[in-house]
Amino acid sequence: MTHEYQPFKPFKALLLLSAVSMLGGCGGHPPIDKISAAEQALNQANLTEGDTYAPLEMRVAQDKLNQAKAAMNNEEYEKAAALADEASVNAELAAVKADSARTTNKLDGLKRSIDSLRHELGMKMQPSQQK
């Protein structure tokens, strides 16, 4: 077995060093912005009465946010980011459901008003039609 001498190539060493540093840097930053966005989404959903109209989604969002914070404290940054994203999505869903429920309630009220007006108009028109 003979080994051939290979001259030192700085380009290969630099390439290897940057690949190792990139791998070591994966998930190295706490997802503070994502957790903050999830908290804001939860606050917005609370303002739109998410607890009333979408309690399940609100509970799931809060649970995911709590898990994200725990993962961040354990320096599991990728997991924390994913959980924070899930919390944001659930909070946004709760807000949309709350908006939809309020809109449906308003629509139902308008329909009742229209029906009432139609009924009143019908009663007023009947006596005049008899003449």
N, C-alpha and C. Protein backbone atom coordinates (compact mmCIF):
# COMPACT_ATOMS: atom_id res chain seq x y z
N MET A 1 0.81 -1.17 0.00
CA MET A 1 0.00 0.00 0.00
C MET A 1 0.86 1.24 0.00
N THR A 2 0.70 2.00 -0.99
CA THR A 2 1.45 3.24 -1.04
C THR A 2 0.48 4.41 -1.05
N HIS A 3 0.85 5.39 -0.33
CA HIS A 3 0.04 6.60 -0.27
C HIS A 3 0.74 7.68 -1.06
N GLU A 4 -0.02 8.30 -1.88
CA GLU A 4 0.55 9.40 -2.64
C GLU A 4 0.37 10.69 -1.85
N TYR A 5 1.35 11.47 -1.90
CA TYR A 5 1.31 12.77 -1.23
C TYR A 5 0.44 13.71 -2.06
N GLN A 6 -0.57 14.29 -1.38
CA GLN A 6 -1.40 15.28 -2.06
C GLN A 6 -1.11 16.64 -1.42
N PRO A 7 -0.86 17.61 -2.24
CA PRO A 7 -0.55 18.93 -1.68
C PRO A 7 -1.79 19.52 -1.00
N PHE A 8 -1.53 20.35 -0.04
CA PHE A 8 -2.61 21.03 0.71
C PHE A 8 -3.34 21.98 -0.23
N LYS A 9 -4.68 21.86 -0.22
CA LYS A 9 -5.48 22.73 -1.07
C LYS A 9 -6.38 23.55 -0.17
N PRO A 10 -6.10 24.85 -0.04
CA PRO A 10 -6.88 25.69 0.86
C PRO A 10 -8.35 25.78 0.47
N PHE A 11 -8.65 25.66 -0.82
CA PHE A 11 -10.03 25.76 -1.25
C PHE A 11 -10.87 24.62 -0.66
N LYS A 12 -10.34 23.40 -0.69
CA LYS A 12 -11.06 22.25 -0.14
C LYS A 12 -11.23 22.40 1.37
N ALA A 13 -10.19 22.87 2.04
CA ALA A 13 -10.27 23.05 3.49
C ALA A 13 -11.32 24.10 3.84
N LEU A 14 -11.33 25.18 3.08
CA LEU A 14 -12.30 26.24 3.31
C LEU A 14 -13.72 25.74 3.06
N LEU A 15 -13.89 24.96 2.01
CA LEU A 15 -15.20 24.39 1.69
C LEU A 15 -15.67 23.46 2.80
N LEU A 16 -14.80 22.62 3.29
CA LEU A 16 -15.14 21.69 4.37
C LEU A 16 -15.47 22.45 5.65
N LEU A 17 -14.69 23.47 5.96
CA LEU A 17 -14.91 24.27 7.16
C LEU A 17 -16.25 24.99 7.10
N SER A 18 -16.59 25.56 5.92
CA SER A 18 -17.87 26.25 5.83
C SER A 18 -19.04 25.28 5.88
N ALA A 19 -18.90 24.09 5.34
CA ALA A 19 -19.97 23.10 5.42
C ALA A 19 -20.21 22.68 6.86
N VAL A 20 -19.15 22.47 7.61
CA VAL A 20 -19.28 22.09 9.02
C VAL A 20 -19.91 23.22 9.82
N SER A 21 -19.49 24.44 9.57
CA SER A 21 -20.05 25.57 10.34
C SER A 21 -21.52 25.79 9.99
N MET A 22 -21.90 25.55 8.73
CA MET A 22 -23.31 25.69 8.36
C MET A 22 -24.16 24.63 9.05
N LEU A 23 -23.66 23.41 9.09
CA LEU A 23 -24.39 22.34 9.76
C LEU A 23 -24.50 22.61 11.26
N GLY A 24 -23.45 23.10 11.83
CA GLY A 24 -23.46 23.41 13.25
C GLY A 24 -24.36 24.58 13.59
N GLY A 25 -24.58 25.45 12.62
CA GLY A 25 -25.40 26.63 12.86
C GLY A 25 -26.89 26.41 12.64
N CYS A 26 -27.31 25.25 12.19
CA CYS A 26 -28.72 24.99 11.94
C CYS A 26 -29.52 25.11 13.22
N GLY A 27 -30.57 25.88 13.17
CA GLY A 27 -31.45 26.00 14.32
C GLY A 27 -30.80 26.69 15.50
N GLY A 28 -29.76 27.48 15.25
CA GLY A 28 -29.03 28.10 16.33
C GLY A 28 -29.60 29.40 16.84
N HIS A 29 -30.68 29.89 16.23
CA HIS A 29 -31.23 31.17 16.65
C HIS A 29 -32.61 30.98 17.25
N PRO A 30 -32.83 31.55 18.40
CA PRO A 30 -34.16 31.43 19.02
C PRO A 30 -35.21 32.12 18.15
N PRO A 31 -36.37 31.49 17.94
CA PRO A 31 -37.41 32.05 17.08
C PRO A 31 -38.27 33.07 17.82
N ILE A 32 -37.62 34.08 18.36
CA ILE A 32 -38.32 35.09 19.15
C ILE A 32 -39.39 35.79 18.32
N ASP A 33 -39.07 36.07 17.06
CA ASP A 33 -40.04 36.77 16.20
C ASP A 33 -41.29 35.92 15.95
N LYS A 34 -41.11 34.62 15.78
CA LYS A 34 -42.26 33.75 15.54
C LYS A 34 -43.11 33.60 16.80
N ILE A 35 -42.48 33.53 17.94
CA ILE A 35 -43.23 33.42 19.19
C ILE A 35 -43.98 34.74 19.44
N SER A 36 -43.33 35.83 19.15
CA SER A 36 -43.99 37.13 19.29
C SER A 36 -45.19 37.24 18.35
N ALA A 37 -45.04 36.77 17.11
CA ALA A 37 -46.14 36.80 16.15
C ALA A 37 -47.30 35.93 16.62
N ALA A 38 -46.98 34.78 17.21
CA ALA A 38 -48.04 33.90 17.73
C ALA A 38 -48.77 34.56 18.89
N GLU A 39 -48.03 35.24 19.76
CA GLU A 39 -48.66 35.95 20.87
C GLU A 39 -49.59 37.05 20.35
N GLN A 40 -49.14 37.78 19.33
CA GLN A 40 -49.96 38.83 18.75
C GLN A 40 -51.22 38.25 18.10
N ALA A 41 -51.08 37.12 17.43
CA ALA A 41 -52.23 36.48 16.81
C ALA A 41 -53.24 36.03 17.87
N LEU A 42 -52.74 35.53 18.99
CA LEU A 42 -53.63 35.13 20.09
C LEU A 42 -54.33 36.35 20.68
N ASN A 43 -53.60 37.43 20.87
CA ASN A 43 -54.21 38.66 21.40
C ASN A 43 -55.29 39.18 20.45
N GLN A 44 -55.02 39.14 19.16
CA GLN A 44 -55.99 39.60 18.17
C GLN A 44 -57.23 38.70 18.20
N ALA A 45 -57.02 37.41 18.31
CA ALA A 45 -58.16 36.48 18.37
C ALA A 45 -58.98 36.71 19.63
N ASN A 46 -58.32 37.06 20.73
CA ASN A 46 -59.06 37.40 21.95
C ASN A 46 -59.90 38.65 21.76
N LEU A 47 -59.37 39.63 21.04
CA LEU A 47 -60.11 40.86 20.79
C LEU A 47 -61.35 40.61 19.93
N THR A 48 -61.28 39.61 19.07
CA THR A 48 -62.41 39.30 18.20
C THR A 48 -63.32 38.24 18.81
N GLU A 49 -63.18 38.03 20.11
CA GLU A 49 -64.01 37.08 20.85
C GLU A 49 -63.80 35.64 20.41
N GLY A 50 -62.55 35.31 20.12
CA GLY A 50 -62.20 33.94 19.75
C GLY A 50 -62.56 32.93 20.81
N ASP A 51 -62.43 33.32 22.09
CA ASP A 51 -62.78 32.40 23.18
C ASP A 51 -64.26 32.01 23.14
N THR A 52 -65.09 32.95 22.71
CA THR A 52 -66.53 32.70 22.66
C THR A 52 -66.91 31.87 21.45
N TYR A 53 -66.40 32.25 20.28
CA TYR A 53 -66.83 31.65 19.03
C TYR A 53 -65.95 30.49 18.54
N ALA A 54 -64.73 30.39 19.01
CA ALA A 54 -63.83 29.32 18.57
C ALA A 54 -62.96 28.86 19.74
N PRO A 55 -63.58 28.34 20.80
CA PRO A 55 -62.80 27.99 21.99
C PRO A 55 -61.77 26.87 21.75
N LEU A 56 -62.10 25.92 20.90
CA LEU A 56 -61.16 24.82 20.64
C LEU A 56 -59.89 25.35 19.97
N GLU A 57 -60.06 26.17 18.95
CA GLU A 57 -58.91 26.71 18.24
C GLU A 57 -58.06 27.59 19.16
N MET A 58 -58.73 28.35 20.02
CA MET A 58 -57.99 29.20 20.96
C MET A 58 -57.19 28.35 21.95
N ARG A 59 -57.80 27.27 22.43
CA ARG A 59 -57.10 26.40 23.38
C ARG A 59 -55.91 25.74 22.71
N VAL A 60 -56.10 25.27 21.47
CA VAL A 60 -54.99 24.64 20.75
C VAL A 60 -53.87 25.65 20.50
N ALA A 61 -54.25 26.87 20.12
CA ALA A 61 -53.24 27.91 19.87
C ALA A 61 -52.44 28.21 21.14
N GLN A 62 -53.14 28.33 22.26
CA GLN A 62 -52.45 28.61 23.53
C GLN A 62 -51.54 27.45 23.92
N ASP A 63 -52.01 26.22 23.74
CA ASP A 63 -51.18 25.05 24.05
C ASP A 63 -49.93 25.01 23.18
N LYS A 64 -50.11 25.28 21.88
CA LYS A 64 -48.95 25.27 20.96
C LYS A 64 -47.96 26.37 21.33
N LEU A 65 -48.47 27.53 21.71
CA LEU A 65 -47.59 28.62 22.11
C LEU A 65 -46.81 28.25 23.37
N ASN A 66 -47.49 27.64 24.33
CA ASN A 66 -46.80 27.20 25.55
C ASN A 66 -45.73 26.16 25.23
N GLN A 67 -46.04 25.24 24.32
CA GLN A 67 -45.05 24.23 23.92
C GLN A 67 -43.88 24.88 23.19
N ALA A 68 -44.17 25.88 22.39
CA ALA A 68 -43.09 26.59 21.67
C ALA A 68 -42.15 27.27 22.65
N LYS A 69 -42.72 27.91 23.67
CA LYS A 69 -41.89 28.58 24.68
C LYS A 69 -41.05 27.57 25.44
N ALA A 70 -41.63 26.42 25.75
CA ALA A 70 -40.88 25.38 26.46
C ALA A 70 -39.74 24.85 25.57
N ALA A 71 -40.04 24.64 24.29
CA ALA A 71 -39.01 24.15 23.37
C ALA A 71 -37.88 25.18 23.23
N MET A 72 -38.24 26.46 23.21
CA MET A 72 -37.22 27.50 23.11
C MET A 72 -36.35 27.50 24.37
N ASN A 73 -36.97 27.33 25.52
CA ASN A 73 -36.19 27.27 26.77
C ASN A 73 -35.25 26.07 26.78
N ASN A 74 -35.63 24.99 26.07
CA ASN A 74 -34.78 23.81 25.97
C ASN A 74 -33.81 23.90 24.79
N GLU A 75 -33.76 25.07 24.16
CA GLU A 75 -32.90 25.33 23.01
C GLU A 75 -33.20 24.43 21.83
N GLU A 76 -34.47 24.00 21.71
CA GLU A 76 -34.94 23.25 20.55
C GLU A 76 -35.60 24.26 19.61
N TYR A 77 -34.77 25.04 18.94
CA TYR A 77 -35.24 26.20 18.22
C TYR A 77 -36.09 25.87 16.99
N GLU A 78 -35.73 24.81 16.28
CA GLU A 78 -36.53 24.43 15.11
C GLU A 78 -37.92 23.98 15.55
N LYS A 79 -37.97 23.19 16.59
CA LYS A 79 -39.26 22.72 17.12
C LYS A 79 -40.08 23.91 17.62
N ALA A 80 -39.42 24.84 18.30
CA ALA A 80 -40.10 26.01 18.83
C ALA A 80 -40.67 26.86 17.70
N ALA A 81 -39.92 27.01 16.62
CA ALA A 81 -40.40 27.79 15.48
C ALA A 81 -41.62 27.14 14.84
N ALA A 82 -41.57 25.83 14.68
CA ALA A 82 -42.70 25.12 14.07
C ALA A 82 -43.94 25.22 14.96
N LEU A 83 -43.77 25.06 16.26
CA LEU A 83 -44.91 25.16 17.18
C LEU A 83 -45.47 26.58 17.21
N ALA A 84 -44.61 27.57 17.15
CA ALA A 84 -45.08 28.96 17.12
C ALA A 84 -45.88 29.23 15.85
N ASP A 85 -45.43 28.68 14.73
CA ASP A 85 -46.18 28.82 13.47
C ASP A 85 -47.56 28.17 13.60
N GLU A 86 -47.61 26.99 14.20
CA GLU A 86 -48.89 26.31 14.39
C GLU A 86 -49.81 27.12 15.31
N ALA A 87 -49.24 27.70 16.34
CA ALA A 87 -50.03 28.53 17.26
C ALA A 87 -50.61 29.74 16.51
N SER A 88 -49.82 30.36 15.66
CA SER A 88 -50.29 31.50 14.88
C SER A 88 -51.44 31.11 13.97
N VAL A 89 -51.29 29.99 13.30
CA VAL A 89 -52.34 29.53 12.38
C VAL A 89 -53.63 29.25 13.14
N ASN A 90 -53.54 28.59 14.28
CA ASN A 90 -54.74 28.28 15.07
C ASN A 90 -55.39 29.55 15.61
N ALA A 91 -54.59 30.50 16.02
CA ALA A 91 -55.14 31.77 16.52
C ALA A 91 -55.82 32.54 15.40
N GLU A 92 -55.20 32.55 14.23
CA GLU A 92 -55.81 33.23 13.09
C GLU A 92 -57.11 32.54 12.68
N LEU A 93 -57.14 31.23 12.74
CA LEU A 93 -58.37 30.49 12.44
C LEU A 93 -59.47 30.86 13.44
N ALA A 94 -59.11 30.95 14.70
CA ALA A 94 -60.08 31.34 15.72
C ALA A 94 -60.63 32.73 15.44
N ALA A 95 -59.77 33.65 15.05
CA ALA A 95 -60.22 35.02 14.75
C ALA A 95 -61.16 35.03 13.55
N VAL A 96 -60.84 34.25 12.52
CA VAL A 96 -61.69 34.19 11.34
C VAL A 96 -63.04 33.56 11.68
N LYS A 97 -63.01 32.50 12.49
CA LYS A 97 -64.28 31.87 12.90
C LYS A 97 -65.12 32.84 13.72
N ALA A 98 -64.49 33.60 14.58
CA ALA A 98 -65.23 34.58 15.39
C ALA A 98 -65.84 35.65 14.49
N ASP A 99 -65.07 36.14 13.52
CA ASP A 99 -65.60 37.14 12.58
C ASP A 99 -66.78 36.57 11.80
N SER A 100 -66.63 35.33 11.36
CA SER A 100 -67.69 34.68 10.60
C SER A 100 -68.95 34.51 11.45
N ALA A 101 -68.80 34.10 12.69
CA ALA A 101 -69.95 33.91 13.58
C ALA A 101 -70.65 35.23 13.84
N ARG A 102 -69.88 36.29 14.07
CA ARG A 102 -70.50 37.61 14.31
C ARG A 102 -71.24 38.09 13.07
N THR A 103 -70.65 37.87 11.90
CA THR A 103 -71.30 38.26 10.65
C THR A 103 -72.58 37.46 10.44
N THR A 104 -72.55 36.19 10.73
CA THR A 104 -73.75 35.34 10.61
C THR A 104 -74.84 35.83 11.56
N ASN A 105 -74.45 36.19 12.77
CA ASN A 105 -75.43 36.72 13.74
C ASN A 105 -76.06 38.01 13.23
N LYS A 106 -75.25 38.88 12.66
CA LYS A 106 -75.78 40.14 12.11
C LYS A 106 -76.73 39.86 10.95
N LEU A 107 -76.35 38.92 10.09
CA LEU A 107 -77.19 38.56 8.95
C LEU A 107 -78.53 38.00 9.43
N ASP A 108 -78.49 37.16 10.44
CA ASP A 108 -79.74 36.60 10.99
C ASP A 108 -80.63 37.71 11.53
N GLY A 109 -80.04 38.67 12.20
CA GLY A 109 -80.80 39.80 12.72
C GLY A 109 -81.43 40.62 11.61
N LEU A 110 -80.67 40.84 10.54
CA LEU A 110 -81.22 41.58 9.40
C LEU A 110 -82.36 40.81 8.74
N LYS A 111 -82.22 39.50 8.63
CA LYS A 111 -83.29 38.68 8.05
C LYS A 111 -84.55 38.77 8.89
N ARG A 112 -84.40 38.73 10.21
CA ARG A 112 -85.57 38.87 11.10
C ARG A 112 -86.23 40.23 10.92
N SER A 113 -85.42 41.26 10.80
CA SER A 113 -85.97 42.61 10.59
C SER A 113 -86.73 42.70 9.27
N ILE A 114 -86.17 42.13 8.22
CA ILE A 114 -86.82 42.13 6.92
C ILE A 114 -88.14 41.36 6.98
N ASP A 115 -88.10 40.20 7.62
CA ASP A 115 -89.33 39.41 7.76
C ASP A 115 -90.39 40.18 8.53
N SER A 116 -89.97 40.87 9.58
CA SER A 116 -90.90 41.66 10.37
C SER A 116 -91.50 42.79 9.55
N LEU A 117 -90.66 43.47 8.76
CA LEU A 117 -91.16 44.54 7.90
C LEU A 117 -92.11 44.00 6.83
N ARG A 118 -91.77 42.86 6.27
CA ARG A 118 -92.66 42.25 5.27
C ARG A 118 -94.01 41.91 5.89
N HIS A 119 -93.96 41.39 7.10
CA HIS A 119 -95.19 41.03 7.80
C HIS A 119 -96.04 42.27 8.05
N GLU A 120 -95.40 43.34 8.52
CA GLU A 120 -96.13 44.59 8.76
C GLU A 120 -96.71 45.16 7.47
N LEU A 121 -95.93 45.13 6.40
CA LEU A 121 -96.43 45.63 5.11
C LEU A 121 -97.59 44.78 4.60
N GLY A 122 -97.48 43.48 4.79
CA GLY A 122 -98.55 42.57 4.36
C GLY A 122 -99.83 42.85 5.11
N MET A 123 -99.74 43.12 6.40
CA MET A 123 -100.94 43.39 7.20
C MET A 123 -101.55 44.74 6.81
N LYS A 124 -100.72 45.70 6.48
CA LYS A 124 -101.23 47.02 6.09
C LYS A 124 -101.87 46.97 4.71
N MET A 125 -101.35 46.14 3.83
CA MET A 125 -101.87 46.08 2.46
C MET A 125 -103.16 45.28 2.39
N GLN A 126 -103.37 44.35 3.28
CA GLN A 126 -104.58 43.52 3.22
C GLN A 126 -105.86 44.33 3.38
N PRO A 127 -105.99 45.23 4.36
CA PRO A 127 -107.23 45.99 4.48
C PRO A 127 -107.47 46.86 3.25
N SER A 128 -106.44 47.43 2.66
CA SER A 128 -106.66 48.30 1.50
C SER A 128 -107.04 47.48 0.28
N GLN A 129 -106.59 46.24 0.22
CA GLN A 129 -106.93 45.41 -0.92
C GLN A 129 -108.40 44.96 -0.84
N GLN A 130 -108.98 44.97 0.35
CA GLN A 130 -110.36 44.53 0.50
C GLN A 130 -111.34 45.57 -0.01
N LYS A 131 -110.99 46.82 -0.12
CA LYS A 131 -111.91 47.88 -0.57
C LYS A 131 -112.21 47.84 -2.01
